[in-house]
């Protein structure tokens, strides 16, 4: 892989290509100081908007990397951010004690709280309308999947009965791809939230929609720590759980449709996560999932 020719990095000497991760972006660690992400597309304006949001949140919490430059190289858009030391949380967390996992989660929850403190512009699209349209678009395709999976029959009726909860929900900065693979851990502490390429504005509680799919299966203690830290270790309000349960249900629909239509190789894994989610909420009869009360 030939190193990219970018003037900002002219004086740098060590370029290490990064192969791990699921993103289509080309990634380089440069002088162990910068992370260079070269996008698969050439939409530099999209990256500039993301950089503005990222740096606004970085000013509140240094666990968010700072963006130094956005530009174009070889007709592809790139972003240069701080390189943050640490090991992928998906690998690091299971090697820690439950107490350490919980404490790391608590630290992550605090960073998410800072992230969500930045509100969307008043002109941002209506959240309820956007998500009602999304459900309406996916529902017929999910209904076809239900025909072969009768235990999914509870999902769509539950969503339809609870969509009213989205009314007047706020929008704020959201990572939008929150899971242990996107946190870094070093010497038993949380060092950074990475892979910010999906950063957007959304309902803050929507941030946790992947908890039952990708967080809890890695570490229940960490997941509890995230929610407790986010709520400053105060009792979590019922309003949070009502929305979290709804977003978990909507995520089942989108994940199953994606698994059947796009990522056939992931289908079995997603069905396993779907069954886990349904069990945790007892087909949405429970408000608080079993893993949190465990």
C-alpha atoms as a PDB file:
ATOM      1  CA  UNK A   1       0.000   0.000   0.000  1.00  0.00           C
ATOM      2  CA  UNK A   2       1.590   3.282  -1.151  1.00  0.00           C
ATOM      3  CA  UNK A   3       1.587   6.038   1.454  1.00  0.00           C
ATOM      4  CA  UNK A   4      -0.557   9.059   0.520  1.00  0.00           C
ATOM      5  CA  UNK A   5       1.055  12.345  -0.501  1.00  0.00           C
ATOM      6  CA  UNK A   6      -0.549  15.013   1.717  1.00  0.00           C
ATOM      7  CA  UNK A   7       1.309  18.292   2.440  1.00  0.00           C
ATOM      8  CA  UNK A   8       0.128  18.399   6.087  1.00  0.00           C
ATOM      9  CA  UNK A   9       2.037  15.147   6.667  1.00  0.00           C
ATOM     10  CA  UNK A  10       5.174  16.030   4.666  1.00  0.00           C
ATOM     11  CA  UNK A  11       7.454  16.064   7.711  1.00  0.00           C
ATOM     12  CA  UNK A  12       6.121  12.776   9.056  1.00  0.00           C
ATOM     13  CA  UNK A  13       8.263   9.673   8.623  1.00  0.00           C
ATOM     14  CA  UNK A  14       6.338   6.656   9.900  1.00  0.00           C
ATOM     15  CA  UNK A  15       3.207   5.594   8.015  1.00  0.00           C
ATOM     16  CA  UNK A  16       1.543   2.403   9.287  1.00  0.00           C
ATOM     17  CA  UNK A  17      -1.409   1.041   7.347  1.00  0.00           C
ATOM     18  CA  UNK A  18      -4.272  -0.115   9.614  1.00  0.00           C
ATOM     19  CA  UNK A  19      -6.125  -3.213   8.439  1.00  0.00           C
ATOM     20  CA  UNK A  20      -8.535  -3.823  11.335  1.00  0.00           C
ATOM     21  CA  UNK A  21     -12.102  -2.530  11.441  1.00  0.00           C
ATOM     22  CA  UNK A  22     -15.220  -2.886   9.310  1.00  0.00           C
ATOM     23  CA  UNK A  23     -15.155   0.524   7.632  1.00  0.00           C
ATOM     24  CA  UNK A  24     -14.424   0.911   3.922  1.00  0.00           C
ATOM     25  CA  UNK A  25     -12.122   3.818   4.775  1.00  0.00           C
ATOM     26  CA  UNK A  26      -8.370   3.489   4.212  1.00  0.00           C
ATOM     27  CA  UNK A  27      -6.676   4.184   7.566  1.00  0.00           C
ATOM     28  CA  UNK A  28      -3.092   5.104   8.484  1.00  0.00           C
ATOM     29  CA  UNK A  29      -1.336   5.684  11.791  1.00  0.00           C
ATOM     30  CA  UNK A  30       1.172   8.467  11.100  1.00  0.00           C
ATOM     31  CA  UNK A  31       4.123   9.006  13.466  1.00  0.00           C
ATOM     32  CA  UNK A  32       1.887   7.576  16.191  1.00  0.00           C
ATOM     33  CA  UNK A  33       0.454  11.108  16.358  1.00  0.00           C
ATOM     34  CA  UNK A  34      -2.146  11.340  13.610  1.00  0.00           C
ATOM     35  CA  UNK A  35      -4.854   9.075  12.252  1.00  0.00           C
ATOM     36  CA  UNK A  36      -5.405   9.536   8.538  1.00  0.00           C
ATOM     37  CA  UNK A  37      -8.750   8.316   7.190  1.00  0.00           C
ATOM     38  CA  UNK A  38      -9.214   8.306   3.422  1.00  0.00           C
ATOM     39  CA  UNK A  39     -12.862   7.935   2.532  1.00  0.00           C
ATOM     40  CA  UNK A  40     -14.120   5.594  -0.146  1.00  0.00           C
ATOM     41  CA  UNK A  41     -16.024   8.583  -1.582  1.00  0.00           C
ATOM     42  CA  UNK A  42     -14.923  12.083  -2.566  1.00  0.00           C
ATOM     43  CA  UNK A  43     -17.499  14.063  -0.593  1.00  0.00           C
ATOM     44  CA  UNK A  44     -15.179  16.528   1.132  1.00  0.00           C
ATOM     45  CA  UNK A  45     -18.065  18.780   2.190  1.00  0.00           C
ATOM     46  CA  UNK A  46     -19.607  15.909   4.148  1.00  0.00           C
ATOM     47  CA  UNK A  47     -16.299  15.349   5.957  1.00  0.00           C
ATOM     48  CA  UNK A  48     -15.926  19.075   6.687  1.00  0.00           C
ATOM     49  CA  UNK A  49     -19.351  19.115   8.322  1.00  0.00           C
ATOM     50  CA  UNK A  50     -18.417  16.057  10.379  1.00  0.00           C
ATOM     51  CA  UNK A  51     -15.139  17.711  11.384  1.00  0.00           C
ATOM     52  CA  UNK A  52     -16.978  20.790  12.669  1.00  0.00           C
ATOM     53  CA  UNK A  53     -19.205  18.615  14.865  1.00  0.00           C
ATOM     54  CA  UNK A  54     -16.311  16.451  16.090  1.00  0.00           C
ATOM     55  CA  UNK A  55     -14.208  19.448  17.089  1.00  0.00           C
ATOM     56  CA  UNK A  56     -17.140  21.065  18.859  1.00  0.00           C
ATOM     57  CA  UNK A  57     -17.430  17.985  21.056  1.00  0.00           C
ATOM     58  CA  UNK A  58     -13.637  17.590  21.425  1.00  0.00           C
ATOM     59  CA  UNK A  59     -13.642  20.983  23.134  1.00  0.00           C
ATOM     60  CA  UNK A  60     -15.836  19.419  25.837  1.00  0.00           C
ATOM     61  CA  UNK A  61     -14.093  16.050  26.176  1.00  0.00           C
ATOM     62  CA  UNK A  62     -10.614  15.077  24.971  1.00  0.00           C
ATOM     63  CA  UNK A  63     -11.684  11.433  24.606  1.00  0.00           C
ATOM     64  CA  UNK A  64     -13.044  12.647  21.262  1.00  0.00           C
ATOM     65  CA  UNK A  65     -10.158  13.074  18.757  1.00  0.00           C
ATOM     66  CA  UNK A  66      -9.422  16.517  17.314  1.00  0.00           C
ATOM     67  CA  UNK A  67      -9.651  16.937  13.522  1.00  0.00           C
ATOM     68  CA  UNK A  68      -6.606  18.762  12.134  1.00  0.00           C
ATOM     69  CA  UNK A  69      -7.451  18.852   8.434  1.00  0.00           C
ATOM     70  CA  UNK A  70      -9.944  17.750   5.805  1.00  0.00           C
ATOM     71  CA  UNK A  71      -9.034  17.645   2.129  1.00  0.00           C
ATOM     72  CA  UNK A  72      -8.837  15.640  -1.086  1.00  0.00           C
ATOM     73  CA  UNK A  73      -6.078  13.279  -2.243  1.00  0.00           C
ATOM     74  CA  UNK A  74      -6.259  11.196  -5.425  1.00  0.00           C
ATOM     75  CA  UNK A  75      -9.887  12.303  -5.838  1.00  0.00           C
ATOM     76  CA  UNK A  76     -10.808  10.882  -2.424  1.00  0.00           C
ATOM     77  CA  UNK A  77     -11.754  12.894   0.650  1.00  0.00           C
ATOM     78  CA  UNK A  78      -9.571  12.514   3.720  1.00  0.00           C
ATOM     79  CA  UNK A  79      -9.603  13.519   7.377  1.00  0.00           C
ATOM     80  CA  UNK A  80      -6.588  13.827   9.695  1.00  0.00           C
ATOM     81  CA  UNK A  81      -7.372  13.341  13.390  1.00  0.00           C
ATOM     82  CA  UNK A  82      -5.478  12.799  16.614  1.00  0.00           C
ATOM     83  CA  UNK A  83      -4.203   9.243  16.985  1.00  0.00           C
ATOM     84  CA  UNK A  84      -5.376   7.906  20.358  1.00  0.00           C
ATOM     85  CA  UNK A  85      -3.501   5.090  22.069  1.00  0.00           C
ATOM     86  CA  UNK A  86      -5.375   2.065  23.314  1.00  0.00           C
ATOM     87  CA  UNK A  87      -6.697  -1.376  22.516  1.00  0.00           C
ATOM     88  CA  UNK A  88     -10.012  -2.107  20.862  1.00  0.00           C
ATOM     89  CA  UNK A  89     -12.610  -2.507  23.633  1.00  0.00           C
ATOM     90  CA  UNK A  90     -14.053  -5.639  22.074  1.00  0.00           C
ATOM     91  CA  UNK A  91     -10.699  -7.326  22.706  1.00  0.00           C
ATOM     92  CA  UNK A  92      -9.681  -5.538  25.920  1.00  0.00           C
ATOM     93  CA  UNK A  93     -12.893  -5.687  27.970  1.00  0.00           C
ATOM     94  CA  UNK A  94     -13.234  -9.488  28.357  1.00  0.00           C
ATOM     95  CA  UNK A  95      -9.694  -9.580  29.800  1.00  0.00           C
ATOM     96  CA  UNK A  96     -10.614  -7.201  32.643  1.00  0.00           C
ATOM     97  CA  UNK A  97     -12.340  -7.918  35.935  1.00  0.00           C
ATOM     98  CA  UNK A  98     -16.049  -7.085  36.145  1.00  0.00           C
ATOM     99  CA  UNK A  99     -15.208  -4.136  38.398  1.00  0.00           C
ATOM    100  CA  UNK A 100     -12.775  -2.767  35.799  1.00  0.00           C
ATOM    101  CA  UNK A 101     -15.280  -3.364  32.998  1.00  0.00           C
ATOM    102  CA  UNK A 102     -17.937  -1.456  34.925  1.00  0.00           C
ATOM    103  CA  UNK A 103     -15.587   1.464  35.642  1.00  0.00           C
ATOM    104  CA  UNK A 104     -14.518   1.714  31.996  1.00  0.00           C
ATOM    105  CA  UNK A 105     -18.198   1.727  30.994  1.00  0.00           C
ATOM    106  CA  UNK A 106     -18.886   4.471  33.518  1.00  0.00           C
ATOM    107  CA  UNK A 107     -16.129   6.603  31.954  1.00  0.00           C
ATOM    108  CA  UNK A 108     -17.557   5.995  28.473  1.00  0.00           C
ATOM    109  CA  UNK A 109     -21.044   6.955  29.671  1.00  0.00           C
ATOM    110  CA  UNK A 110     -19.705  10.306  30.873  1.00  0.00           C
ATOM    111  CA  UNK A 111     -18.177  10.993  27.451  1.00  0.00           C
ATOM    112  CA  UNK A 112     -21.488  10.165  25.767  1.00  0.00           C
ATOM    113  CA  UNK A 113     -23.148  12.642  28.109  1.00  0.00           C
ATOM    114  CA  UNK A 114     -20.797  15.376  26.857  1.00  0.00           C
ATOM    115  CA  UNK A 115     -21.423  14.287  23.265  1.00  0.00           C
ATOM    116  CA  UNK A 116     -25.173  14.572  23.736  1.00  0.00           C
ATOM    117  CA  UNK A 117     -24.958  18.005  25.361  1.00  0.00           C
ATOM    118  CA  UNK A 118     -24.478  19.608  21.920  1.00  0.00           C
ATOM    119  CA  UNK A 119     -27.880  20.181  20.342  1.00  0.00           C
ATOM    120  CA  UNK A 120     -28.772  20.097  16.656  1.00  0.00           C
ATOM    121  CA  UNK A 121     -29.507  23.339  14.779  1.00  0.00           C
ATOM    122  CA  UNK A 122     -33.142  24.422  14.865  1.00  0.00           C
ATOM    123  CA  UNK A 123     -33.347  23.727  11.128  1.00  0.00           C
ATOM    124  CA  UNK A 124     -32.529  20.029  11.599  1.00  0.00           C
ATOM    125  CA  UNK A 125     -35.113  17.597  10.216  1.00  0.00           C
ATOM    126  CA  UNK A 126     -37.984  16.450  12.404  1.00  0.00           C
ATOM    127  CA  UNK A 127     -36.979  13.334  14.308  1.00  0.00           C
ATOM    128  CA  UNK A 128     -40.429  11.748  14.642  1.00  0.00           C
ATOM    129  CA  UNK A 129     -41.224  12.123  10.956  1.00  0.00           C
ATOM    130  CA  UNK A 130     -37.858  10.700   9.914  1.00  0.00           C
ATOM    131  CA  UNK A 131     -38.268   7.578  12.028  1.00  0.00           C
ATOM    132  CA  UNK A 132     -41.927   7.000  11.219  1.00  0.00           C
ATOM    133  CA  UNK A 133     -40.935   7.052   7.543  1.00  0.00           C
ATOM    134  CA  UNK A 134     -38.095   4.650   8.238  1.00  0.00           C
ATOM    135  CA  UNK A 135     -40.372   2.156   9.982  1.00  0.00           C
ATOM    136  CA  UNK A 136     -42.962   2.473   7.230  1.00  0.00           C
ATOM    137  CA  UNK A 137     -40.297   1.771   4.612  1.00  0.00           C
ATOM    138  CA  UNK A 138     -38.881  -1.293   6.394  1.00  0.00           C
ATOM    139  CA  UNK A 139     -42.106  -2.833   7.744  1.00  0.00           C
ATOM    140  CA  UNK A 140     -43.243  -4.658   4.549  1.00  0.00           C
ATOM    141  CA  UNK A 141     -39.767  -6.158   4.070  1.00  0.00           C
ATOM    142  CA  UNK A 142     -39.590  -7.256   7.719  1.00  0.00           C
ATOM    143  CA  UNK A 143     -43.074  -8.778   7.438  1.00  0.00           C
ATOM    144  CA  UNK A 144     -41.702 -11.151   4.813  1.00  0.00           C
ATOM    145  CA  UNK A 145     -38.977 -12.231   7.259  1.00  0.00           C
ATOM    146  CA  UNK A 146     -41.568 -12.793  10.005  1.00  0.00           C
ATOM    147  CA  UNK A 147     -43.287 -15.404   7.806  1.00  0.00           C
ATOM    148  CA  UNK A 148     -40.298 -17.671   8.367  1.00  0.00           C
ATOM    149  CA  UNK A 149     -39.680 -16.615  11.982  1.00  0.00           C
ATOM    150  CA  UNK A 150     -42.939 -16.655  13.911  1.00  0.00           C
ATOM    151  CA  UNK A 151     -41.246 -15.567  17.161  1.00  0.00           C
ATOM    152  CA  UNK A 152     -40.676 -12.165  15.486  1.00  0.00           C
ATOM    153  CA  UNK A 153     -44.435 -11.531  15.278  1.00  0.00           C
ATOM    154  CA  UNK A 154     -44.441  -9.303  18.368  1.00  0.00           C
ATOM    155  CA  UNK A 155     -41.989  -6.751  16.957  1.00  0.00           C
ATOM    156  CA  UNK A 156     -43.970  -4.655  14.472  1.00  0.00           C
ATOM    157  CA  UNK A 157     -47.168  -4.413  16.588  1.00  0.00           C
ATOM    158  CA  UNK A 158     -45.066  -3.281  19.559  1.00  0.00           C
ATOM    159  CA  UNK A 159     -43.354  -0.609  17.461  1.00  0.00           C
ATOM    160  CA  UNK A 160     -46.628   0.700  16.054  1.00  0.00           C
ATOM    161  CA  UNK A 161     -48.125   0.939  19.543  1.00  0.00           C
ATOM    162  CA  UNK A 162     -45.162   2.965  20.817  1.00  0.00           C
ATOM    163  CA  UNK A 163     -44.153   5.267  17.959  1.00  0.00           C
ATOM    164  CA  UNK A 164     -45.982   8.082  19.768  1.00  0.00           C
ATOM    165  CA  UNK A 165     -42.989   8.168  22.166  1.00  0.00           C
ATOM    166  CA  UNK A 166     -40.936   9.826  19.403  1.00  0.00           C
ATOM    167  CA  UNK A 167     -43.085  12.942  19.457  1.00  0.00           C
ATOM    168  CA  UNK A 168     -41.095  16.095  20.303  1.00  0.00           C
ATOM    169  CA  UNK A 169     -37.903  14.162  20.986  1.00  0.00           C
ATOM    170  CA  UNK A 170     -34.752  16.361  20.888  1.00  0.00           C
ATOM    171  CA  UNK A 171     -31.835  15.899  18.507  1.00  0.00           C
ATOM    172  CA  UNK A 172     -28.226  16.233  19.584  1.00  0.00           C
ATOM    173  CA  UNK A 173     -24.763  15.112  18.479  1.00  0.00           C
ATOM    174  CA  UNK A 174     -24.580  11.319  18.400  1.00  0.00           C
ATOM    175  CA  UNK A 175     -21.740   8.911  17.582  1.00  0.00           C
ATOM    176  CA  UNK A 176     -24.328   6.656  15.896  1.00  0.00           C
ATOM    177  CA  UNK A 177     -22.139   3.539  15.817  1.00  0.00           C
ATOM    178  CA  UNK A 178     -21.631   2.941  19.519  1.00  0.00           C
ATOM    179  CA  UNK A 179     -20.192  -0.467  20.416  1.00  0.00           C
ATOM    180  CA  UNK A 180     -17.063  -1.790  22.214  1.00  0.00           C
ATOM    181  CA  UNK A 181     -15.107  -1.983  18.956  1.00  0.00           C
ATOM    182  CA  UNK A 182     -15.241   1.811  18.787  1.00  0.00           C
ATOM    183  CA  UNK A 183     -13.779   2.526  22.213  1.00  0.00           C
ATOM    184  CA  UNK A 184     -10.113   2.323  23.196  1.00  0.00           C
ATOM    185  CA  UNK A 185      -8.784   1.004  26.505  1.00  0.00           C
ATOM    186  CA  UNK A 186      -5.280   1.333  27.920  1.00  0.00           C
ATOM    187  CA  UNK A 187      -4.030   0.265  31.350  1.00  0.00           C
ATOM    188  CA  UNK A 188      -7.550  -0.299  32.629  1.00  0.00           C
ATOM    189  CA  UNK A 189      -8.955   3.057  31.595  1.00  0.00           C
ATOM    190  CA  UNK A 190     -10.992   4.417  28.714  1.00  0.00           C
ATOM    191  CA  UNK A 191      -8.797   6.505  26.393  1.00  0.00           C
ATOM    192  CA  UNK A 192     -10.942   7.386  23.394  1.00  0.00           C
ATOM    193  CA  UNK A 193     -14.120   7.107  21.338  1.00  0.00           C
ATOM    194  CA  UNK A 194     -13.156   6.483  17.723  1.00  0.00           C
ATOM    195  CA  UNK A 195     -14.551   5.862  14.222  1.00  0.00           C
ATOM    196  CA  UNK A 196     -16.536   9.074  14.134  1.00  0.00           C
ATOM    197  CA  UNK A 197     -17.481   8.831  10.447  1.00  0.00           C
ATOM    198  CA  UNK A 198     -21.180   8.271  11.217  1.00  0.00           C
ATOM    199  CA  UNK A 199     -21.459  11.201  13.649  1.00  0.00           C
ATOM    200  CA  UNK A 200     -24.790  12.936  13.216  1.00  0.00           C
ATOM    201  CA  UNK A 201     -27.709  14.544  15.041  1.00  0.00           C
ATOM    202  CA  UNK A 202     -30.252  12.215  16.644  1.00  0.00           C
ATOM    203  CA  UNK A 203     -32.313  11.537  19.749  1.00  0.00           C
ATOM    204  CA  UNK A 204     -29.717  10.980  22.516  1.00  0.00           C
ATOM    205  CA  UNK A 205     -31.438   7.808  23.757  1.00  0.00           C
ATOM    206  CA  UNK A 206     -31.175   6.350  20.265  1.00  0.00           C
ATOM    207  CA  UNK A 207     -27.393   6.160  20.859  1.00  0.00           C
ATOM    208  CA  UNK A 208     -27.938   2.986  22.876  1.00  0.00           C
ATOM    209  CA  UNK A 209     -29.950   1.051  20.287  1.00  0.00           C
ATOM    210  CA  UNK A 210     -27.123  -1.481  19.777  1.00  0.00           C
ATOM    211  CA  UNK A 211     -26.735  -2.327  23.466  1.00  0.00           C
ATOM    212  CA  UNK A 212     -28.384  -5.769  23.257  1.00  0.00           C
ATOM    213  CA  UNK A 213     -26.749  -6.593  19.920  1.00  0.00           C
ATOM    214  CA  UNK A 214     -23.106  -5.589  20.276  1.00  0.00           C
ATOM    215  CA  UNK A 215     -22.420  -4.299  23.798  1.00  0.00           C
ATOM    216  CA  UNK A 216     -24.042  -6.658  26.305  1.00  0.00           C
ATOM    217  CA  UNK A 217     -22.755  -9.843  24.586  1.00  0.00           C
ATOM    218  CA  UNK A 218     -19.203  -8.511  25.066  1.00  0.00           C
ATOM    219  CA  UNK A 219     -19.659  -7.345  28.675  1.00  0.00           C
ATOM    220  CA  UNK A 220     -22.742  -6.926  30.840  1.00  0.00           C
ATOM    221  CA  UNK A 221     -20.722  -5.108  33.528  1.00  0.00           C
ATOM    222  CA  UNK A 222     -19.365  -2.614  30.981  1.00  0.00           C
ATOM    223  CA  UNK A 223     -22.842  -2.045  29.523  1.00  0.00           C
ATOM    224  CA  UNK A 224     -24.312  -1.365  32.958  1.00  0.00           C
ATOM    225  CA  UNK A 225     -21.434   1.008  33.643  1.00  0.00           C
ATOM    226  CA  UNK A 226     -22.160   2.936  30.445  1.00  0.00           C
ATOM    227  CA  UNK A 227     -25.790   3.556  31.404  1.00  0.00           C
ATOM    228  CA  UNK A 228     -25.013   4.286  35.053  1.00  0.00           C
ATOM    229  CA  UNK A 229     -22.196   6.689  34.155  1.00  0.00           C
ATOM    230  CA  UNK A 230     -24.400   8.379  31.576  1.00  0.00           C
ATOM    231  CA  UNK A 231     -27.042   8.949  34.260  1.00  0.00           C
ATOM    232  CA  UNK A 232     -24.453  10.079  36.829  1.00  0.00           C
ATOM    233  CA  UNK A 233     -25.143   6.951  38.901  1.00  0.00           C
ATOM    234  CA  UNK A 234     -28.662   8.116  39.681  1.00  0.00           C
ATOM    235  CA  UNK A 235     -31.775   5.962  39.154  1.00  0.00           C
ATOM    236  CA  UNK A 236     -32.482   5.623  35.445  1.00  0.00           C
ATOM    237  CA  UNK A 237     -35.894   7.147  34.629  1.00  0.00           C
ATOM    238  CA  UNK A 238     -38.662   5.007  33.194  1.00  0.00           C
ATOM    239  CA  UNK A 239     -38.882   7.379  30.227  1.00  0.00           C
ATOM    240  CA  UNK A 240     -35.372   6.265  29.206  1.00  0.00           C
ATOM    241  CA  UNK A 241     -36.285   2.580  29.323  1.00  0.00           C
ATOM    242  CA  UNK A 242     -39.489   3.122  27.337  1.00  0.00           C
ATOM    243  CA  UNK A 243     -37.549   4.759  24.513  1.00  0.00           C
ATOM    244  CA  UNK A 244     -34.632   2.351  24.718  1.00  0.00           C
ATOM    245  CA  UNK A 245     -37.005  -0.598  24.384  1.00  0.00           C
ATOM    246  CA  UNK A 246     -38.622   1.031  21.343  1.00  0.00           C
ATOM    247  CA  UNK A 247     -35.272   1.729  19.666  1.00  0.00           C
ATOM    248  CA  UNK A 248     -34.151  -1.851  20.394  1.00  0.00           C
ATOM    249  CA  UNK A 249     -37.275  -3.087  18.600  1.00  0.00           C
ATOM    250  CA  UNK A 250     -36.737  -0.789  15.606  1.00  0.00           C
ATOM    251  CA  UNK A 251     -33.131  -1.953  15.426  1.00  0.00           C
ATOM    252  CA  UNK A 252     -34.313  -5.563  15.162  1.00  0.00           C
ATOM    253  CA  UNK A 253     -36.299  -4.582  12.063  1.00  0.00           C
ATOM    254  CA  UNK A 254     -33.438  -2.716  10.371  1.00  0.00           C
ATOM    255  CA  UNK A 255     -30.809  -5.322  11.323  1.00  0.00           C
ATOM    256  CA  UNK A 256     -32.866  -8.258  10.101  1.00  0.00           C
ATOM    257  CA  UNK A 257     -33.723  -6.539   6.814  1.00  0.00           C
ATOM    258  CA  UNK A 258     -30.058  -5.662   6.316  1.00  0.00           C
ATOM    259  CA  UNK A 259     -28.992  -9.215   7.158  1.00  0.00           C
ATOM    260  CA  UNK A 260     -31.445 -10.719   4.683  1.00  0.00           C
ATOM    261  CA  UNK A 261     -30.971  -8.228   1.839  1.00  0.00           C
ATOM    262  CA  UNK A 262     -27.336  -7.090   2.086  1.00  0.00           C
ATOM    263  CA  UNK A 263     -25.192  -9.095   4.513  1.00  0.00           C
ATOM    264  CA  UNK A 264     -26.236 -12.719   4.116  1.00  0.00           C
ATOM    265  CA  UNK A 265     -23.032 -13.901   5.808  1.00  0.00           C
ATOM    266  CA  UNK A 266     -24.065 -12.011   8.957  1.00  0.00           C
ATOM    267  CA  UNK A 267     -27.645 -13.316   8.947  1.00  0.00           C
ATOM    268  CA  UNK A 268     -27.168 -16.153  11.445  1.00  0.00           C
ATOM    269  CA  UNK A 269     -25.276 -13.916  13.848  1.00  0.00           C
ATOM    270  CA  UNK A 270     -27.948 -11.220  13.619  1.00  0.00           C
ATOM    271  CA  UNK A 271     -30.706 -13.751  14.227  1.00  0.00           C
ATOM    272  CA  UNK A 272     -28.838 -14.869  17.347  1.00  0.00           C
ATOM    273  CA  UNK A 273     -28.666 -11.246  18.557  1.00  0.00           C
ATOM    274  CA  UNK A 274     -32.351 -10.751  17.712  1.00  0.00           C
ATOM    275  CA  UNK A 275     -33.337 -13.774  19.790  1.00  0.00           C
ATOM    276  CA  UNK A 276     -31.174 -12.474  22.639  1.00  0.00           C
ATOM    277  CA  UNK A 277     -32.860  -9.056  22.489  1.00  0.00           C
ATOM    278  CA  UNK A 278     -36.352 -10.558  22.444  1.00  0.00           C
ATOM    279  CA  UNK A 279     -35.449 -12.747  25.415  1.00  0.00           C
ATOM    280  CA  UNK A 280     -33.995  -9.832  27.380  1.00  0.00           C
ATOM    281  CA  UNK A 281     -37.282  -7.928  27.063  1.00  0.00           C
ATOM    282  CA  UNK A 282     -39.456 -11.077  27.128  1.00  0.00           C
ATOM    283  CA  UNK A 283     -40.864 -10.100  23.731  1.00  0.00           C
ATOM    284  CA  UNK A 284     -41.196  -6.496  24.983  1.00  0.00           C
ATOM    285  CA  UNK A 285     -43.361  -7.364  27.959  1.00  0.00           C
ATOM    286  CA  UNK A 286     -40.503  -6.221  30.230  1.00  0.00           C
ATOM    287  CA  UNK A 287     -39.632  -2.538  30.433  1.00  0.00           C
ATOM    288  CA  UNK A 288     -36.095  -2.987  31.794  1.00  0.00           C
ATOM    289  CA  UNK A 289     -34.031  -5.715  30.088  1.00  0.00           C
ATOM    290  CA  UNK A 290     -32.934  -8.679  32.186  1.00  0.00           C
ATOM    291  CA  UNK A 291     -29.221  -7.966  31.681  1.00  0.00           C
ATOM    292  CA  UNK A 292     -29.451  -4.634  33.502  1.00  0.00           C
ATOM    293  CA  UNK A 293     -31.156  -6.129  36.557  1.00  0.00           C
ATOM    294  CA  UNK A 294     -28.926  -9.210  36.564  1.00  0.00           C
END
